[in-house]
């Protein structure tokens, strides 16, 4: 799985539950968008997702609006790198 680092990160998000699947998804979407635009290398995608997951503490999902806020935080964290 070292070759496909995003897969273990996805499992980590699923096992953690709470907001982590949304954090993973938001960070991944932002990083992939940056890759498509030529802003980062393909190998940087998993790094950015992992840093976003590590920088946002897990929490229970309170509401849909709150989940969207965490998604936005994850996207910002991925862009910052």
PDB file of N, CA and C in Angstrom:
ATOM      1  N   UNK A   1       0.805  -1.200   0.000  1.00  0.00           N
ATOM      2  CA  UNK A   1       0.000   0.000   0.000  1.00  0.00           C
ATOM      3  C   UNK A   1       0.852   1.270   0.000  1.00  0.00           C
ATOM      4  N   UNK A   2       2.159   1.153   0.222  1.00  0.00           N
ATOM      5  CA  UNK A   2       3.006   2.338   0.212  1.00  0.00           C
ATOM      6  C   UNK A   2       2.949   3.044  -1.139  1.00  0.00           C
ATOM      7  N   UNK A   3       2.731   2.288  -2.185  1.00  0.00           N
ATOM      8  CA  UNK A   3       2.662   2.878  -3.521  1.00  0.00           C
ATOM      9  C   UNK A   3       1.403   3.734  -3.682  1.00  0.00           C
ATOM     10  N   UNK A   4       0.334   3.328  -3.039  1.00  0.00           N
ATOM     11  CA  UNK A   4      -0.943   4.047  -3.119  1.00  0.00           C
ATOM     12  C   UNK A   4      -1.285   4.588  -1.737  1.00  0.00           C
ATOM     13  N   UNK A   5      -0.616   5.645  -1.334  1.00  0.00           N
ATOM     14  CA  UNK A   5      -0.726   6.152   0.036  1.00  0.00           C
ATOM     15  C   UNK A   5      -2.106   6.663   0.392  1.00  0.00           C
ATOM     16  N   UNK A   6      -2.901   7.042  -0.592  1.00  0.00           N
ATOM     17  CA  UNK A   6      -4.232   7.574  -0.293  1.00  0.00           C
ATOM     18  C   UNK A   6      -5.172   6.491   0.220  1.00  0.00           C
ATOM     19  N   UNK A   7      -4.938   5.248  -0.149  1.00  0.00           N
ATOM     20  CA  UNK A   7      -5.834   4.166   0.283  1.00  0.00           C
ATOM     21  C   UNK A   7      -5.769   3.963   1.794  1.00  0.00           C
ATOM     22  N   UNK A   8      -4.578   3.822   2.388  1.00  0.00           N
ATOM     23  CA  UNK A   8      -4.550   3.708   3.853  1.00  0.00           C
ATOM     24  C   UNK A   8      -5.112   4.945   4.557  1.00  0.00           C
ATOM     25  N   UNK A   9      -4.932   6.114   3.949  1.00  0.00           N
ATOM     26  CA  UNK A   9      -5.500   7.327   4.544  1.00  0.00           C
ATOM     27  C   UNK A   9      -7.025   7.279   4.530  1.00  0.00           C
ATOM     28  N   UNK A  10      -7.593   6.749   3.460  1.00  0.00           N
ATOM     29  CA  UNK A  10      -9.055   6.613   3.384  1.00  0.00           C
ATOM     30  C   UNK A  10      -9.553   5.651   4.456  1.00  0.00           C
ATOM     31  N   UNK A  11      -8.857   4.532   4.636  1.00  0.00           N
ATOM     32  CA  UNK A  11      -9.247   3.587   5.690  1.00  0.00           C
ATOM     33  C   UNK A  11      -9.113   4.229   7.067  1.00  0.00           C
ATOM     34  N   UNK A  12      -8.052   5.013   7.254  1.00  0.00           N
ATOM     35  CA  UNK A  12      -7.863   5.707   8.536  1.00  0.00           C
ATOM     36  C   UNK A  12      -9.034   6.643   8.811  1.00  0.00           C
ATOM     37  N   UNK A  13      -9.481   7.362   7.789  1.00  0.00           N
ATOM     38  CA  UNK A  13     -10.618   8.274   7.946  1.00  0.00           C
ATOM     39  C   UNK A  13     -11.890   7.507   8.281  1.00  0.00           C
ATOM     40  N   UNK A  14     -12.102   6.390   7.599  1.00  0.00           N
ATOM     41  CA  UNK A  14     -13.302   5.585   7.863  1.00  0.00           C
ATOM     42  C   UNK A  14     -13.291   5.012   9.273  1.00  0.00           C
ATOM     43  N   UNK A  15     -12.127   4.513   9.698  1.00  0.00           N
ATOM     44  CA  UNK A  15     -12.021   3.943  11.046  1.00  0.00           C
ATOM     45  C   UNK A  15     -12.212   5.008  12.117  1.00  0.00           C
ATOM     46  N   UNK A  16     -11.723   6.212  11.868  1.00  0.00           N
ATOM     47  CA  UNK A  16     -11.857   7.297  12.842  1.00  0.00           C
ATOM     48  C   UNK A  16     -13.304   7.758  12.953  1.00  0.00           C
ATOM     49  N   UNK A  17     -14.023   7.727  11.837  1.00  0.00           N
ATOM     50  CA  UNK A  17     -15.414   8.171  11.848  1.00  0.00           C
ATOM     51  C   UNK A  17     -15.514   9.666  12.089  1.00  0.00           C
ATOM     52  N   UNK A  18     -16.642  10.087  12.626  1.00  0.00           N
ATOM     53  CA  UNK A  18     -16.856  11.509  12.896  1.00  0.00           C
ATOM     54  C   UNK A  18     -16.741  12.330  11.626  1.00  0.00           C
ATOM     55  N   UNK A  19     -15.948  13.387  11.716  1.00  0.00           N
ATOM     56  CA  UNK A  19     -15.780  14.280  10.569  1.00  0.00           C
ATOM     57  C   UNK A  19     -14.662  13.845   9.626  1.00  0.00           C
ATOM     58  N   UNK A  20     -13.846  12.852  10.034  1.00  0.00           N
ATOM     59  CA  UNK A  20     -12.663  12.502   9.250  1.00  0.00           C
ATOM     60  C   UNK A  20     -12.949  12.077   7.813  1.00  0.00           C
ATOM     61  N   UNK A  21     -14.005  11.327   7.528  1.00  0.00           N
ATOM     62  CA  UNK A  21     -14.263  11.038   6.110  1.00  0.00           C
ATOM     63  C   UNK A  21     -14.500  12.306   5.286  1.00  0.00           C
ATOM     64  N   UNK A  22     -15.164  13.292   5.864  1.00  0.00           N
ATOM     65  CA  UNK A  22     -15.383  14.557   5.152  1.00  0.00           C
ATOM     66  C   UNK A  22     -14.081  15.336   5.006  1.00  0.00           C
ATOM     67  N   UNK A  23     -13.249  15.286   6.021  1.00  0.00           N
ATOM     68  CA  UNK A  23     -11.949  15.952   5.958  1.00  0.00           C
ATOM     69  C   UNK A  23     -11.104  15.311   4.860  1.00  0.00           C
ATOM     70  N   UNK A  24     -11.065  13.983   4.844  1.00  0.00           N
ATOM     71  CA  UNK A  24     -10.323  13.267   3.798  1.00  0.00           C
ATOM     72  C   UNK A  24     -10.834  13.672   2.419  1.00  0.00           C
ATOM     73  N   UNK A  25     -12.140  13.630   2.242  1.00  0.00           N
ATOM     74  CA  UNK A  25     -12.730  13.923   0.942  1.00  0.00           C
ATOM     75  C   UNK A  25     -12.452  15.360   0.501  1.00  0.00           C
ATOM     76  N   UNK A  26     -12.660  16.308   1.388  1.00  0.00           N
ATOM     77  CA  UNK A  26     -12.430  17.706   1.033  1.00  0.00           C
ATOM     78  C   UNK A  26     -10.980  17.978   0.680  1.00  0.00           C
ATOM     79  N   UNK A  27     -10.072  17.455   1.499  1.00  0.00           N
ATOM     80  CA  UNK A  27      -8.646  17.656   1.237  1.00  0.00           C
ATOM     81  C   UNK A  27      -8.237  16.979  -0.063  1.00  0.00           C
ATOM     82  N   UNK A  28      -8.746  15.783  -0.292  1.00  0.00           N
ATOM     83  CA  UNK A  28      -8.411  15.058  -1.516  1.00  0.00           C
ATOM     84  C   UNK A  28      -8.920  15.807  -2.750  1.00  0.00           C
ATOM     85  N   UNK A  29     -10.151  16.277  -2.698  1.00  0.00           N
ATOM     86  CA  UNK A  29     -10.698  17.009  -3.851  1.00  0.00           C
ATOM     87  C   UNK A  29      -9.891  18.273  -4.137  1.00  0.00           C
ATOM     88  N   UNK A  30      -9.499  18.985  -3.094  1.00  0.00           N
ATOM     89  CA  UNK A  30      -8.708  20.203  -3.288  1.00  0.00           C
ATOM     90  C   UNK A  30      -7.329  19.876  -3.853  1.00  0.00           C
ATOM     91  N   UNK A  31      -6.698  18.833  -3.327  1.00  0.00           N
ATOM     92  CA  UNK A  31      -5.365  18.457  -3.799  1.00  0.00           C
ATOM     93  C   UNK A  31      -5.407  17.957  -5.242  1.00  0.00           C
ATOM     94  N   UNK A  32      -6.404  17.168  -5.584  1.00  0.00           N
ATOM     95  CA  UNK A  32      -6.533  16.688  -6.965  1.00  0.00           C
ATOM     96  C   UNK A  32      -6.757  17.867  -7.908  1.00  0.00           C
ATOM     97  N   UNK A  33      -7.558  18.825  -7.493  1.00  0.00           N
ATOM     98  CA  UNK A  33      -7.785  20.014  -8.314  1.00  0.00           C
ATOM     99  C   UNK A  33      -6.473  20.765  -8.546  1.00  0.00           C
ATOM    100  N   UNK A  34      -5.668  20.880  -7.507  1.00  0.00           N
ATOM    101  CA  UNK A  34      -4.373  21.544  -7.649  1.00  0.00           C
ATOM    102  C   UNK A  34      -3.462  20.774  -8.601  1.00  0.00           C
ATOM    103  N   UNK A  35      -3.498  19.449  -8.520  1.00  0.00           N
ATOM    104  CA  UNK A  35      -2.701  18.627  -9.432  1.00  0.00           C
ATOM    105  C   UNK A  35      -3.144  18.841 -10.878  1.00  0.00           C
ATOM    106  N   UNK A  36      -4.440  18.814 -11.114  1.00  0.00           N
ATOM    107  CA  UNK A  36      -4.971  18.997 -12.470  1.00  0.00           C
ATOM    108  C   UNK A  36      -4.550  20.354 -13.040  1.00  0.00           C
ATOM    109  N   UNK A  37      -4.486  21.355 -12.180  1.00  0.00           N
ATOM    110  CA  UNK A  37      -4.092  22.701 -12.619  1.00  0.00           C
ATOM    111  C   UNK A  37      -2.575  22.866 -12.725  1.00  0.00           C
ATOM    112  N   UNK A  38      -1.826  21.804 -12.425  1.00  0.00           N
ATOM    113  CA  UNK A  38      -0.373  21.852 -12.536  1.00  0.00           C
ATOM    114  C   UNK A  38       0.319  22.541 -11.383  1.00  0.00           C
ATOM    115  N   UNK A  39      -0.378  22.708 -10.266  1.00  0.00           N
ATOM    116  CA  UNK A  39       0.178  23.428  -9.125  1.00  0.00           C
ATOM    117  C   UNK A  39       1.014  22.538  -8.204  1.00  0.00           C
ATOM    118  N   UNK A  40       0.713  21.243  -8.187  1.00  0.00           N
ATOM    119  CA  UNK A  40       1.459  20.292  -7.365  1.00  0.00           C
ATOM    120  C   UNK A  40       1.706  19.028  -8.187  1.00  0.00           C
ATOM    121  N   UNK A  41       2.625  18.198  -7.699  1.00  0.00           N
ATOM    122  CA  UNK A  41       2.890  16.909  -8.344  1.00  0.00           C
ATOM    123  C   UNK A  41       1.871  15.883  -7.858  1.00  0.00           C
ATOM    124  N   UNK A  42       1.694  14.836  -8.639  1.00  0.00           N
ATOM    125  CA  UNK A  42       0.774  13.765  -8.267  1.00  0.00           C
ATOM    126  C   UNK A  42       1.129  13.194  -6.899  1.00  0.00           C
ATOM    127  N   UNK A  43       2.412  13.032  -6.652  1.00  0.00           N
ATOM    128  CA  UNK A  43       2.856  12.448  -5.386  1.00  0.00           C
ATOM    129  C   UNK A  43       2.599  13.363  -4.190  1.00  0.00           C
ATOM    130  N   UNK A  44       2.282  14.621  -4.435  1.00  0.00           N
ATOM    131  CA  UNK A  44       1.982  15.555  -3.344  1.00  0.00           C
ATOM    132  C   UNK A  44       0.545  15.421  -2.828  1.00  0.00           C
ATOM    133  N   UNK A  45      -0.313  14.780  -3.600  1.00  0.00           N
ATOM    134  CA  UNK A  45      -1.728  14.693  -3.219  1.00  0.00           C
ATOM    135  C   UNK A  45      -1.883  14.038  -1.851  1.00  0.00           C
ATOM    136  N   UNK A  46      -1.323  12.853  -1.673  1.00  0.00           N
ATOM    137  CA  UNK A  46      -1.474  12.137  -0.399  1.00  0.00           C
ATOM    138  C   UNK A  46      -0.833  12.912   0.749  1.00  0.00           C
ATOM    139  N   UNK A  47       0.290  13.579   0.491  1.00  0.00           N
ATOM    140  CA  UNK A  47       0.933  14.383   1.540  1.00  0.00           C
ATOM    141  C   UNK A  47      -0.003  15.470   2.045  1.00  0.00           C
ATOM    142  N   UNK A  48      -0.659  16.141   1.120  1.00  0.00           N
ATOM    143  CA  UNK A  48      -1.561  17.228   1.497  1.00  0.00           C
ATOM    144  C   UNK A  48      -2.793  16.706   2.233  1.00  0.00           C
ATOM    145  N   UNK A  49      -3.306  15.565   1.795  1.00  0.00           N
ATOM    146  CA  UNK A  49      -4.458  14.964   2.476  1.00  0.00           C
ATOM    147  C   UNK A  49      -4.067  14.574   3.897  1.00  0.00           C
ATOM    148  N   UNK A  50      -2.914  13.938   4.042  1.00  0.00           N
ATOM    149  CA  UNK A  50      -2.472  13.511   5.368  1.00  0.00           C
ATOM    150  C   UNK A  50      -2.256  14.700   6.296  1.00  0.00           C
ATOM    151  N   UNK A  51      -1.632  15.751   5.797  1.00  0.00           N
ATOM    152  CA  UNK A  51      -1.418  16.939   6.637  1.00  0.00           C
ATOM    153  C   UNK A  51      -2.743  17.572   7.056  1.00  0.00           C
ATOM    154  N   UNK A  52      -3.709  17.593   6.148  1.00  0.00           N
ATOM    155  CA  UNK A  52      -5.025  18.134   6.503  1.00  0.00           C
ATOM    156  C   UNK A  52      -5.672  17.284   7.586  1.00  0.00           C
ATOM    157  N   UNK A  53      -5.598  15.964   7.436  1.00  0.00           N
ATOM    158  CA  UNK A  53      -6.193  15.070   8.435  1.00  0.00           C
ATOM    159  C   UNK A  53      -5.505  15.225   9.786  1.00  0.00           C
ATOM    160  N   UNK A  54      -4.192  15.426   9.765  1.00  0.00           N
ATOM    161  CA  UNK A  54      -3.449  15.581  11.019  1.00  0.00           C
ATOM    162  C   UNK A  54      -3.693  16.940  11.675  1.00  0.00           C
ATOM    163  N   UNK A  55      -4.065  17.934  10.881  1.00  0.00           N
ATOM    164  CA  UNK A  55      -4.208  19.288  11.428  1.00  0.00           C
ATOM    165  C   UNK A  55      -5.605  19.596  11.963  1.00  0.00           C
ATOM    166  N   UNK A  56      -6.577  18.746  11.642  1.00  0.00           N
ATOM    167  CA  UNK A  56      -7.951  18.998  12.078  1.00  0.00           C
ATOM    168  C   UNK A  56      -8.357  17.915  13.070  1.00  0.00           C
ATOM    169  N   UNK A  57      -8.596  18.282  14.320  1.00  0.00           N
ATOM    170  CA  UNK A  57      -8.991  17.273  15.309  1.00  0.00           C
ATOM    171  C   UNK A  57     -10.347  16.663  14.963  1.00  0.00           C
ATOM    172  N   UNK A  58     -10.457  15.370  15.159  1.00  0.00           N
ATOM    173  CA  UNK A  58     -11.716  14.688  14.872  1.00  0.00           C
ATOM    174  C   UNK A  58     -12.793  15.126  15.863  1.00  0.00           C
ATOM    175  N   UNK A  59     -14.013  15.127  15.399  1.00  0.00           N
ATOM    176  CA  UNK A  59     -15.160  15.495  16.230  1.00  0.00           C
ATOM    177  C   UNK A  59     -16.382  14.760  15.708  1.00  0.00           C
ATOM    178  N   UNK A  60     -17.387  14.687  16.545  1.00  0.00           N
ATOM    179  CA  UNK A  60     -18.658  14.106  16.108  1.00  0.00           C
ATOM    180  C   UNK A  60     -19.332  15.076  15.147  1.00  0.00           C
ATOM    181  N   UNK A  61     -20.097  14.527  14.236  1.00  0.00           N
ATOM    182  CA  UNK A  61     -20.840  15.363  13.296  1.00  0.00           C
ATOM    183  C   UNK A  61     -22.051  15.927  14.019  1.00  0.00           C
ATOM    184  N   UNK A  62     -22.117  17.257  14.131  1.00  0.00           N
ATOM    185  CA  UNK A  62     -23.227  17.888  14.817  1.00  0.00           C
ATOM    186  C   UNK A  62     -24.385  18.219  13.898  1.00  0.00           C
ATOM    187  N   UNK A  63     -24.047  18.719  12.726  1.00  0.00           N
ATOM    188  CA  UNK A  63     -25.070  19.102  11.755  1.00  0.00           C
ATOM    189  C   UNK A  63     -24.444  19.095  10.366  1.00  0.00           C
ATOM    190  N   UNK A  64     -25.293  19.161   9.365  1.00  0.00           N
ATOM    191  CA  UNK A  64     -24.798  19.201   7.994  1.00  0.00           C
ATOM    192  C   UNK A  64     -23.981  20.467   7.755  1.00  0.00           C
ATOM    193  N   UNK A  65     -24.431  21.576   8.292  1.00  0.00           N
ATOM    194  CA  UNK A  65     -23.721  22.841   8.134  1.00  0.00           C
ATOM    195  C   UNK A  65     -22.332  22.764   8.765  1.00  0.00           C
ATOM    196  N   UNK A  66     -22.248  22.134   9.929  1.00  0.00           N
ATOM    197  CA  UNK A  66     -20.968  21.960  10.603  1.00  0.00           C
ATOM    198  C   UNK A  66     -20.044  21.081   9.760  1.00  0.00           C
ATOM    199  N   UNK A  67     -20.593  20.050   9.174  1.00  0.00           N
ATOM    200  CA  UNK A  67     -19.814  19.164   8.313  1.00  0.00           C
ATOM    201  C   UNK A  67     -19.253  19.940   7.119  1.00  0.00           C
ATOM    202  N   UNK A  68     -20.045  20.831   6.555  1.00  0.00           N
ATOM    203  CA  UNK A  68     -19.572  21.661   5.445  1.00  0.00           C
ATOM    204  C   UNK A  68     -18.439  22.588   5.886  1.00  0.00           C
ATOM    205  N   UNK A  69     -18.495  23.060   7.133  1.00  0.00           N
ATOM    206  CA  UNK A  69     -17.424  23.903   7.658  1.00  0.00           C
ATOM    207  C   UNK A  69     -16.119  23.118   7.755  1.00  0.00           C
ATOM    208  N   UNK A  70     -16.203  21.876   8.229  1.00  0.00           N
ATOM    209  CA  UNK A  70     -15.003  21.040   8.314  1.00  0.00           C
ATOM    210  C   UNK A  70     -14.473  20.707   6.923  1.00  0.00           C
ATOM    211  N   UNK A  71     -15.363  20.496   5.978  1.00  0.00           N
ATOM    212  CA  UNK A  71     -14.957  20.255   4.597  1.00  0.00           C
ATOM    213  C   UNK A  71     -14.170  21.455   4.077  1.00  0.00           C
ATOM    214  N   UNK A  72     -14.662  22.647   4.330  1.00  0.00           N
ATOM    215  CA  UNK A  72     -13.974  23.864   3.888  1.00  0.00           C
ATOM    216  C   UNK A  72     -12.621  24.011   4.578  1.00  0.00           C
ATOM    217  N   UNK A  73     -12.555  23.687   5.867  1.00  0.00           N
ATOM    218  CA  UNK A  73     -11.287  23.741   6.592  1.00  0.00           C
ATOM    219  C   UNK A  73     -10.277  22.785   5.978  1.00  0.00           C
ATOM    220  N   UNK A  74     -10.733  21.585   5.626  1.00  0.00           N
ATOM    221  CA  UNK A  74      -9.844  20.587   5.032  1.00  0.00           C
ATOM    222  C   UNK A  74      -9.337  21.047   3.677  1.00  0.00           C
ATOM    223  N   UNK A  75     -10.203  21.654   2.898  1.00  0.00           N
ATOM    224  CA  UNK A  75      -9.793  22.167   1.584  1.00  0.00           C
ATOM    225  C   UNK A  75      -8.741  23.262   1.746  1.00  0.00           C
ATOM    226  N   UNK A  76      -8.942  24.158   2.708  1.00  0.00           N
ATOM    227  CA  UNK A  76      -7.961  25.221   2.952  1.00  0.00           C
ATOM    228  C   UNK A  76      -6.632  24.640   3.422  1.00  0.00           C
ATOM    229  N   UNK A  77      -6.699  23.638   4.295  1.00  0.00           N
ATOM    230  CA  UNK A  77      -5.474  23.009   4.789  1.00  0.00           C
ATOM    231  C   UNK A  77      -4.711  22.340   3.655  1.00  0.00           C
ATOM    232  N   UNK A  78      -5.419  21.701   2.735  1.00  0.00           N
ATOM    233  CA  UNK A  78      -4.763  21.044   1.601  1.00  0.00           C
ATOM    234  C   UNK A  78      -4.114  22.068   0.677  1.00  0.00           C
ATOM    235  N   UNK A  79      -4.776  23.185   0.470  1.00  0.00           N
ATOM    236  CA  UNK A  79      -4.224  24.223  -0.405  1.00  0.00           C
ATOM    237  C   UNK A  79      -2.972  24.837   0.221  1.00  0.00           C
ATOM    238  N   UNK A  80      -3.010  25.062   1.532  1.00  0.00           N
ATOM    239  CA  UNK A  80      -1.849  25.629   2.225  1.00  0.00           C
ATOM    240  C   UNK A  80      -0.676  24.666   2.207  1.00  0.00           C
ATOM    241  N   UNK A  81      -0.999  23.367   2.255  1.00  0.00           N
ATOM    242  CA  UNK A  81       0.041  22.344   2.224  1.00  0.00           C
ATOM    243  C   UNK A  81       0.695  22.225   3.544  1.00  0.00           C
TER     244      UNK A  81
END
